[in-house]
Amino acid sequence: MPANLQPPLALVGRVLLALMFVLAGLSKLTGFGGTVGYIASQGLPVPSLLTAASIVLELGGGIALMLGWQARGVALAMGLFTLVVSFIFHPFWAVPAEQHMVVQLLFMKNISVAGGMFLVAALGAGPLSLDARRAAATAIGRLTGRTA
């Protein structure tokens, strides 16, 4: 792959990974009561707190990932979150046969998204990111004796 395609592809990849979370966070925010009810229906404790925390992670983390700010830590947190909620909300092994295919598809989609998040956590946000901009400013500051 030509090297000049890597920066824009990393940016597009980050934005597409994050978009699912931003939209889900907005949906939870505008449908807070329904989300609380759904979380409670799964037998989880403190559904209001879990809803609020998921909104913060999905909206805040999604926007941070889009911008490439603190991308490694954000992506790791979002990947772990996605793994956990996949097992709770998409247990394809425990649903009736007529639901199995769709629930398994949702589960596998989430596992794949978690894999993408772990790639961002391992490799970073790429050169078109706030993280790269901060790293460049820090390097320049070290060379010139200024702090970034």
C-alpha atoms as a PDB file:
ATOM      1  CA  MET A   1       0.000   0.000   0.000  1.00  0.00           C
ATOM      2  CA  PRO A   2       1.336   3.434  -0.821  1.00  0.00           C
ATOM      3  CA  ALA A   3       2.515   5.185   2.335  1.00  0.00           C
ATOM      4  CA  ASN A   4       0.542   8.318   1.487  1.00  0.00           C
ATOM      5  CA  LEU A   5      -2.726   6.343   1.874  1.00  0.00           C
ATOM      6  CA  GLN A   6      -1.987   5.164   5.411  1.00  0.00           C
ATOM      7  CA  PRO A   7      -2.765   8.459   7.235  1.00  0.00           C
ATOM      8  CA  PRO A   8      -6.185   9.026   5.633  1.00  0.00           C
ATOM      9  CA  LEU A   9      -7.106   5.340   5.969  1.00  0.00           C
ATOM     10  CA  ALA A  10      -6.221   5.390   9.674  1.00  0.00           C
ATOM     11  CA  LEU A  11      -8.397   8.500  10.104  1.00  0.00           C
ATOM     12  CA  VAL A  12     -11.341   6.997   8.192  1.00  0.00           C
ATOM     13  CA  GLY A  13     -10.972   3.734  10.127  1.00  0.00           C
ATOM     14  CA  ARG A  14     -11.030   5.567  13.474  1.00  0.00           C
ATOM     15  CA  VAL A  15     -14.061   7.629  12.491  1.00  0.00           C
ATOM     16  CA  LEU A  16     -15.995   4.599  11.250  1.00  0.00           C
ATOM     17  CA  LEU A  17     -15.175   2.586  14.385  1.00  0.00           C
ATOM     18  CA  ALA A  18     -16.202   5.500  16.588  1.00  0.00           C
ATOM     19  CA  LEU A  19     -19.375   6.393  14.675  1.00  0.00           C
ATOM     20  CA  MET A  20     -21.240   3.343  15.985  1.00  0.00           C
ATOM     21  CA  PHE A  21     -20.500   4.422  19.557  1.00  0.00           C
ATOM     22  CA  VAL A  22     -21.370   8.096  19.059  1.00  0.00           C
ATOM     23  CA  LEU A  23     -24.719   7.190  17.506  1.00  0.00           C
ATOM     24  CA  ALA A  24     -25.430   4.612  20.230  1.00  0.00           C
ATOM     25  CA  GLY A  25     -24.539   7.153  22.921  1.00  0.00           C
ATOM     26  CA  LEU A  26     -26.865   9.746  21.392  1.00  0.00           C
ATOM     27  CA  SER A  27     -29.626   7.157  21.194  1.00  0.00           C
ATOM     28  CA  LYS A  28     -29.148   6.238  24.859  1.00  0.00           C
ATOM     29  CA  LEU A  29     -29.121   9.916  25.821  1.00  0.00           C
ATOM     30  CA  THR A  30     -32.364  10.712  24.001  1.00  0.00           C
ATOM     31  CA  GLY A  31     -33.996   7.460  25.109  1.00  0.00           C
ATOM     32  CA  PHE A  32     -32.549   7.347  28.617  1.00  0.00           C
ATOM     33  CA  GLY A  33     -35.603   5.763  30.259  1.00  0.00           C
ATOM     34  CA  GLY A  34     -35.902   3.043  27.661  1.00  0.00           C
ATOM     35  CA  THR A  35     -32.206   2.218  27.957  1.00  0.00           C
ATOM     36  CA  VAL A  36     -32.480   2.042  31.742  1.00  0.00           C
ATOM     37  CA  GLY A  37     -35.419  -0.350  31.350  1.00  0.00           C
ATOM     38  CA  TYR A  38     -33.537  -2.534  28.888  1.00  0.00           C
ATOM     39  CA  ILE A  39     -30.461  -2.747  31.126  1.00  0.00           C
ATOM     40  CA  ALA A  40     -32.696  -3.550  34.109  1.00  0.00           C
ATOM     41  CA  SER A  41     -34.418  -6.290  32.075  1.00  0.00           C
ATOM     42  CA  GLN A  42     -31.048  -8.030  31.784  1.00  0.00           C
ATOM     43  CA  GLY A  43     -30.840  -8.230  35.579  1.00  0.00           C
ATOM     44  CA  LEU A  44     -27.974  -5.759  35.921  1.00  0.00           C
ATOM     45  CA  PRO A  45     -27.713  -3.627  39.063  1.00  0.00           C
ATOM     46  CA  VAL A  46     -27.976   0.187  39.105  1.00  0.00           C
ATOM     47  CA  PRO A  47     -29.285   0.488  35.538  1.00  0.00           C
ATOM     48  CA  SER A  48     -29.450   4.303  35.685  1.00  0.00           C
ATOM     49  CA  LEU A  49     -25.778   4.513  36.630  1.00  0.00           C
ATOM     50  CA  LEU A  50     -24.805   1.953  33.973  1.00  0.00           C
ATOM     51  CA  THR A  51     -26.790   3.883  31.357  1.00  0.00           C
ATOM     52  CA  ALA A  52     -25.100   7.150  32.301  1.00  0.00           C
ATOM     53  CA  ALA A  53     -21.660   5.511  32.282  1.00  0.00           C
ATOM     54  CA  SER A  54     -22.264   3.943  28.885  1.00  0.00           C
ATOM     55  CA  ILE A  55     -23.388   7.315  27.492  1.00  0.00           C
ATOM     56  CA  VAL A  56     -20.202   8.963  28.763  1.00  0.00           C
ATOM     57  CA  LEU A  57     -18.033   6.186  27.344  1.00  0.00           C
ATOM     58  CA  GLU A  58     -19.829   5.944  24.008  1.00  0.00           C
ATOM     59  CA  LEU A  59     -20.208   9.675  23.365  1.00  0.00           C
ATOM     60  CA  GLY A  60     -17.027  10.900  25.026  1.00  0.00           C
ATOM     61  CA  GLY A  61     -14.906   7.975  23.935  1.00  0.00           C
ATOM     62  CA  GLY A  62     -16.344   7.994  20.437  1.00  0.00           C
ATOM     63  CA  ILE A  63     -15.613  11.692  19.935  1.00  0.00           C
ATOM     64  CA  ALA A  64     -12.135  11.311  21.457  1.00  0.00           C
ATOM     65  CA  LEU A  65     -11.421   8.402  19.117  1.00  0.00           C
ATOM     66  CA  MET A  66     -12.645  10.356  16.096  1.00  0.00           C
ATOM     67  CA  LEU A  67     -10.286  13.186  17.015  1.00  0.00           C
ATOM     68  CA  GLY A  68      -7.469  10.810  17.873  1.00  0.00           C
ATOM     69  CA  TRP A  69      -7.160  12.159  21.414  1.00  0.00           C
ATOM     70  CA  GLN A  70      -5.836   9.699  24.002  1.00  0.00           C
ATOM     71  CA  ALA A  71      -6.709   7.122  21.359  1.00  0.00           C
ATOM     72  CA  ARG A  72      -4.793   4.164  22.771  1.00  0.00           C
ATOM     73  CA  GLY A  73      -6.423   4.309  26.209  1.00  0.00           C
ATOM     74  CA  VAL A  74      -9.841   5.218  24.841  1.00  0.00           C
ATOM     75  CA  ALA A  75      -9.731   2.383  22.301  1.00  0.00           C
ATOM     76  CA  LEU A  76      -8.653  -0.107  24.964  1.00  0.00           C
ATOM     77  CA  ALA A  77     -11.526   0.952  27.244  1.00  0.00           C
ATOM     78  CA  MET A  78     -14.041   0.836  24.393  1.00  0.00           C
ATOM     79  CA  GLY A  79     -12.774  -2.554  23.228  1.00  0.00           C
ATOM     80  CA  LEU A  80     -13.106  -4.040  26.710  1.00  0.00           C
ATOM     81  CA  PHE A  81     -16.547  -2.450  27.130  1.00  0.00           C
ATOM     82  CA  THR A  82     -17.646  -3.937  23.804  1.00  0.00           C
ATOM     83  CA  LEU A  83     -16.457  -7.414  24.784  1.00  0.00           C
ATOM     84  CA  VAL A  84     -18.298  -7.297  28.098  1.00  0.00           C
ATOM     85  CA  VAL A  85     -21.588  -6.019  26.684  1.00  0.00           C
ATOM     86  CA  SER A  86     -21.431  -8.575  23.874  1.00  0.00           C
ATOM     87  CA  PHE A  87     -21.603 -11.442  26.349  1.00  0.00           C
ATOM     88  CA  ILE A  88     -24.367  -9.764  28.354  1.00  0.00           C
ATOM     89  CA  PHE A  89     -26.636  -8.468  25.592  1.00  0.00           C
ATOM     90  CA  HIS A  90     -25.985 -10.867  22.694  1.00  0.00           C
ATOM     91  CA  PRO A  91     -25.904 -14.405  24.174  1.00  0.00           C
ATOM     92  CA  PHE A  92     -26.611 -16.230  20.924  1.00  0.00           C
ATOM     93  CA  TRP A  93     -26.006 -19.580  22.636  1.00  0.00           C
ATOM     94  CA  ALA A  94     -29.020 -19.028  24.903  1.00  0.00           C
ATOM     95  CA  VAL A  95     -31.702 -17.725  22.535  1.00  0.00           C
ATOM     96  CA  PRO A  96     -34.442 -19.587  20.662  1.00  0.00           C
ATOM     97  CA  ALA A  97     -33.427 -21.076  17.317  1.00  0.00           C
ATOM     98  CA  GLU A  98     -35.339 -18.441  15.329  1.00  0.00           C
ATOM     99  CA  GLN A  99     -33.247 -15.664  16.980  1.00  0.00           C
ATOM    100  CA  HIS A 100     -29.907 -17.455  16.890  1.00  0.00           C
ATOM    101  CA  MET A 101     -28.614 -16.153  13.552  1.00  0.00           C
ATOM    102  CA  VAL A 102     -29.350 -12.464  14.212  1.00  0.00           C
ATOM    103  CA  VAL A 103     -28.061 -12.498  17.796  1.00  0.00           C
ATOM    104  CA  GLN A 104     -24.920 -14.376  16.740  1.00  0.00           C
ATOM    105  CA  LEU A 105     -24.366 -11.818  13.976  1.00  0.00           C
ATOM    106  CA  LEU A 106     -24.639  -8.978  16.501  1.00  0.00           C
ATOM    107  CA  PHE A 107     -22.259 -10.780  18.844  1.00  0.00           C
ATOM    108  CA  MET A 108     -19.681 -11.366  16.097  1.00  0.00           C
ATOM    109  CA  LYS A 109     -20.013  -7.775  14.860  1.00  0.00           C
ATOM    110  CA  ASN A 110     -19.219  -6.556  18.355  1.00  0.00           C
ATOM    111  CA  ILE A 111     -16.276  -8.935  18.703  1.00  0.00           C
ATOM    112  CA  SER A 112     -14.931  -7.626  15.396  1.00  0.00           C
ATOM    113  CA  VAL A 113     -15.363  -4.023  16.531  1.00  0.00           C
ATOM    114  CA  ALA A 114     -13.492  -4.873  19.745  1.00  0.00           C
ATOM    115  CA  GLY A 115     -10.695  -6.264  17.576  1.00  0.00           C
ATOM    116  CA  GLY A 116     -10.528  -2.980  15.684  1.00  0.00           C
ATOM    117  CA  MET A 117     -10.389  -1.103  18.968  1.00  0.00           C
ATOM    118  CA  PHE A 118      -7.532  -3.304  20.170  1.00  0.00           C
ATOM    119  CA  LEU A 119      -5.654  -2.521  16.940  1.00  0.00           C
ATOM    120  CA  VAL A 120      -6.013   1.208  17.629  1.00  0.00           C
ATOM    121  CA  ALA A 121      -4.902   0.598  21.223  1.00  0.00           C
ATOM    122  CA  ALA A 122      -1.821  -1.281  20.000  1.00  0.00           C
ATOM    123  CA  LEU A 123      -0.862   0.875  17.011  1.00  0.00           C
ATOM    124  CA  GLY A 124      -2.126   4.326  17.968  1.00  0.00           C
ATOM    125  CA  ALA A 125      -4.348   6.810  16.188  1.00  0.00           C
ATOM    126  CA  GLY A 126      -2.097   7.528  13.220  1.00  0.00           C
ATOM    127  CA  PRO A 127      -0.565  10.763  11.982  1.00  0.00           C
ATOM    128  CA  LEU A 128      -3.878  12.597  11.417  1.00  0.00           C
ATOM    129  CA  SER A 129      -4.761  12.798  15.101  1.00  0.00           C
ATOM    130  CA  LEU A 130      -4.483  15.039  18.116  1.00  0.00           C
ATOM    131  CA  ASP A 131      -2.165  12.446  19.675  1.00  0.00           C
ATOM    132  CA  ALA A 132       0.276  12.770  16.749  1.00  0.00           C
ATOM    133  CA  ARG A 133       0.046  16.552  16.872  1.00  0.00           C
ATOM    134  CA  ARG A 134       0.813  16.548  20.604  1.00  0.00           C
ATOM    135  CA  ALA A 135       3.736  14.149  20.092  1.00  0.00           C
ATOM    136  CA  ALA A 136       5.164  16.388  17.357  1.00  0.00           C
ATOM    137  CA  ALA A 137       4.811  19.491  19.545  1.00  0.00           C
ATOM    138  CA  THR A 138       6.512  17.685  22.426  1.00  0.00           C
ATOM    139  CA  ALA A 139       9.391  16.589  20.177  1.00  0.00           C
ATOM    140  CA  ILE A 140       9.832  20.118  18.838  1.00  0.00           C
ATOM    141  CA  GLY A 141       9.733  21.443  22.381  1.00  0.00           C
ATOM    142  CA  ARG A 142      12.509  19.070  23.424  1.00  0.00           C
ATOM    143  CA  LEU A 143      14.654  20.084  20.460  1.00  0.00           C
ATOM    144  CA  THR A 144      14.161  23.797  21.068  1.00  0.00           C
ATOM    145  CA  GLY A 145      14.179  23.647  24.856  1.00  0.00           C
ATOM    146  CA  ARG A 146      10.553  24.748  25.117  1.00  0.00           C
ATOM    147  CA  THR A 147       7.761  22.814  26.778  1.00  0.00           C
ATOM    148  CA  ALA A 148       4.734  21.893  24.709  1.00  0.00           C
END
